[in-house]
Amino acid sequence: MKIDSKTRRSCIFVKQRFTNSENYCLTLSGTVDLQNAKCKGNAYVRKKFFPSDLNPIVSRIDCGVNYDTETDDVVYKLRGKKSFDITQDGLTTLDVKGGVDFALTSSTPKMDGKIELSKTLFNFQPDQDLRMKIGFDAQTKRFYGQIRENNWSINADFSKNKSWNFQYDL
């Protein structure tokens, strides 16, 4: 179940991720708007590469392809991530993320970048983990935040629009 402040609508959101031992990942997601029954779907296939610890530049590289039913477009994606541990336990990190998208319908690639500070609290309640993060999206020039627990998450956009959404996993 998902509720957001922009559209003031609720929807049912489903997502399933399938992975294998070779670091291939298929993510299928879909949304049904409860007001007008409009359906949207997304499929994303990617390969995750984890360079060795000897590589100081990136922690992870993702290469994949995405299909979105709303835009009816195929987008090729290349993503990179570098994590810096702020604390010795590794539960507070500074993550730098970047990527480039190549859409079949566009002649110019779309580049993006983010920087995030995140904190994870394991067993913040019995059998409940909590993750908090704040970040800046360089492409949209907006600040955002997220609080996520095992079954729910709250996302906030701190830009001029000041929007939020709440998602609960049924």
Protein backbone atom coordinates (compact mmCIF):
# COMPACT_ATOMS: atom_id res chain seq x y z
CA MET A 1 0.00 0.00 0.00
CA LYS A 2 1.41 3.39 -0.95
CA ILE A 3 0.11 6.89 -0.18
CA ASP A 4 1.68 10.10 -1.45
CA SER A 5 1.15 13.80 -0.79
CA LYS A 6 1.46 14.99 -4.41
CA THR A 7 -1.42 13.08 -5.96
CA ARG A 8 -3.26 12.51 -2.65
CA ARG A 9 -4.04 9.01 -3.84
CA SER A 10 -3.43 5.55 -2.54
CA CYS A 11 -2.28 2.69 -4.65
CA ILE A 12 -1.30 -0.90 -4.32
CA PHE A 13 2.37 -1.36 -5.14
CA VAL A 14 3.95 -4.76 -5.74
CA LYS A 15 7.63 -5.53 -6.19
CA GLN A 16 9.57 -8.74 -6.45
CA ARG A 17 13.32 -9.14 -6.87
CA PHE A 18 14.91 -12.32 -8.18
CA THR A 19 18.67 -12.84 -7.89
CA ASN A 20 21.03 -15.69 -8.64
CA SER A 21 24.51 -16.70 -7.55
CA GLU A 22 26.09 -14.92 -10.54
CA ASN A 23 24.79 -11.50 -9.36
CA TYR A 24 22.11 -11.16 -12.02
CA CYS A 25 19.02 -9.41 -10.68
CA LEU A 26 15.52 -9.17 -12.16
CA THR A 27 13.20 -6.67 -10.48
CA LEU A 28 9.51 -6.61 -11.42
CA SER A 29 7.23 -3.92 -10.00
CA GLY A 30 3.75 -2.65 -10.61
CA THR A 31 1.21 -0.16 -9.32
CA VAL A 32 -2.59 -0.13 -9.36
CA ASP A 33 -4.15 3.26 -8.58
CA LEU A 34 -7.11 2.68 -6.26
CA GLN A 35 -9.03 5.71 -7.54
CA ASN A 36 -9.02 5.05 -11.28
CA ALA A 37 -7.62 1.47 -11.49
CA LYS A 38 -4.79 2.61 -13.80
CA CYS A 39 -1.98 0.06 -13.90
CA LYS A 40 1.75 0.66 -14.42
CA GLY A 41 4.57 -1.85 -14.62
CA ASN A 42 8.34 -1.94 -14.72
CA ALA A 43 10.94 -4.62 -15.41
CA TYR A 44 14.64 -4.13 -14.71
CA VAL A 45 17.36 -6.69 -15.43
CA ARG A 46 20.90 -5.96 -14.30
CA LYS A 47 24.24 -7.54 -13.60
CA LYS A 48 26.04 -6.44 -10.44
CA PHE A 49 29.82 -6.27 -10.45
CA PHE A 50 31.74 -6.02 -7.19
CA PRO A 51 35.32 -5.01 -7.97
CA SER A 52 37.96 -6.34 -5.61
CA ASP A 53 39.01 -4.47 -2.48
CA LEU A 54 42.12 -3.45 -4.37
CA ASN A 55 40.01 -1.11 -6.53
CA PRO A 56 39.73 2.23 -4.69
CA ILE A 57 37.41 3.86 -7.23
CA VAL A 58 34.07 1.99 -6.99
CA SER A 59 32.36 -0.40 -4.57
CA ARG A 60 29.78 -1.67 -7.08
CA ILE A 61 28.92 -1.35 -10.77
CA ASP A 62 25.49 -2.22 -12.19
CA CYS A 63 24.84 -2.70 -15.89
CA GLY A 64 21.33 -3.40 -17.12
CA VAL A 65 18.21 -2.68 -19.10
CA ASN A 66 14.86 -1.27 -17.92
CA TYR A 67 11.38 -1.35 -19.50
CA ASP A 68 8.58 0.91 -18.23
CA THR A 69 4.98 0.37 -19.40
CA GLU A 70 4.04 4.02 -18.79
CA THR A 71 6.62 5.40 -21.23
CA ASP A 72 6.82 2.22 -23.35
CA ASP A 73 10.56 2.76 -23.59
CA VAL A 74 13.63 0.60 -23.15
CA VAL A 75 16.48 2.27 -21.25
CA TYR A 76 20.01 0.89 -20.92
CA LYS A 77 21.60 1.76 -17.57
CA LEU A 78 25.13 1.91 -16.25
CA ARG A 79 25.49 2.72 -12.53
CA GLY A 80 28.36 3.04 -10.10
CA LYS A 81 28.54 3.39 -6.33
CA LYS A 82 31.32 4.12 -3.87
CA SER A 83 30.72 3.77 -0.11
CA PHE A 84 32.86 5.36 2.58
CA ASP A 85 32.49 4.07 6.13
CA ILE A 86 32.06 6.95 8.57
CA THR A 87 32.14 4.71 11.64
CA GLN A 88 34.28 1.62 12.25
CA ASP A 89 31.23 -0.66 12.49
CA GLY A 90 30.19 0.26 8.93
CA LEU A 91 26.65 1.26 10.00
CA THR A 92 27.11 4.92 9.08
CA THR A 93 28.22 5.47 5.49
CA LEU A 94 28.62 8.20 2.93
CA ASP A 95 27.59 6.87 -0.49
CA VAL A 96 28.41 8.52 -3.80
CA LYS A 97 26.29 7.22 -6.69
CA GLY A 98 26.35 8.04 -10.38
CA GLY A 99 25.05 6.71 -13.62
CA VAL A 100 24.10 7.22 -17.19
CA ASP A 101 20.92 6.13 -19.03
CA PHE A 102 20.66 5.51 -22.76
CA ALA A 103 17.04 5.52 -23.98
CA LEU A 104 16.13 4.13 -27.38
CA THR A 105 13.86 7.14 -28.04
CA SER A 106 16.50 9.76 -27.17
CA SER A 107 19.74 10.69 -28.90
CA THR A 108 21.37 12.12 -25.77
CA PRO A 109 22.30 10.13 -22.67
CA LYS A 110 20.89 11.18 -19.31
CA MET A 111 23.45 11.44 -16.50
CA ASP A 112 22.72 11.59 -12.79
CA GLY A 113 24.53 11.65 -9.49
CA LYS A 114 23.66 11.46 -5.80
CA ILE A 115 25.38 11.71 -2.47
CA GLU A 116 23.79 10.07 0.59
CA LEU A 117 24.54 9.86 4.28
CA SER A 118 22.93 6.77 5.81
CA LYS A 119 22.69 5.25 9.26
CA THR A 120 21.53 1.70 10.00
CA LEU A 121 20.28 0.60 13.42
CA PHE A 122 20.05 -3.18 13.73
CA ASN A 123 17.43 -4.48 16.21
CA PHE A 124 16.26 -0.98 17.03
CA GLN A 125 13.19 -2.87 18.29
CA PRO A 126 13.18 -6.68 18.64
CA ASP A 127 13.43 -8.09 15.08
CA GLN A 128 13.20 -4.59 13.58
CA ASP A 129 15.98 -2.79 11.76
CA LEU A 130 15.83 0.92 10.97
CA ARG A 131 17.66 2.73 8.20
CA MET A 132 17.75 6.50 7.85
CA LYS A 133 19.29 8.42 5.01
CA ILE A 134 19.48 11.96 3.71
CA GLY A 135 20.84 12.86 0.31
CA PHE A 136 21.21 15.30 -2.53
CA ASP A 137 20.28 14.51 -6.15
CA ALA A 138 22.56 16.50 -8.47
CA GLN A 139 20.34 16.06 -11.53
CA THR A 140 17.11 17.37 -9.97
CA LYS A 141 19.00 19.61 -7.50
CA ARG A 142 16.88 18.47 -4.57
CA PHE A 143 17.46 17.21 -1.06
CA TYR A 144 15.60 14.11 0.09
CA GLY A 145 15.35 11.77 3.04
CA GLN A 146 14.10 8.31 3.91
CA ILE A 147 13.29 6.36 7.04
CA ARG A 148 12.84 2.66 6.36
CA GLU A 149 11.94 -0.23 8.63
CA ASN A 150 11.42 -3.88 7.69
CA ASN A 151 7.77 -3.34 6.66
CA TRP A 152 7.35 0.37 5.98
CA SER A 153 9.16 3.41 4.62
CA ILE A 154 8.63 7.17 4.59
CA ASN A 155 10.24 9.17 1.79
CA ALA A 156 10.47 12.96 1.84
CA ASP A 157 11.42 15.51 -0.82
CA PHE A 158 12.82 18.64 0.84
CA SER A 159 12.78 20.79 -2.32
CA LYS A 160 10.26 23.58 -3.06
CA ASN A 161 7.52 20.99 -3.65
CA LYS A 162 8.00 19.45 -0.17
CA SER A 163 6.31 16.14 -0.91
CA TRP A 164 6.30 12.83 0.94
CA ASN A 165 5.04 9.30 0.49
CA PHE A 166 4.41 6.44 2.86
CA GLN A 167 4.67 2.78 1.87
CA TYR A 168 3.58 -0.18 3.95
CA ASP A 169 4.36 -3.74 2.89
CA LEU A 170 1.30 -5.95 3.37
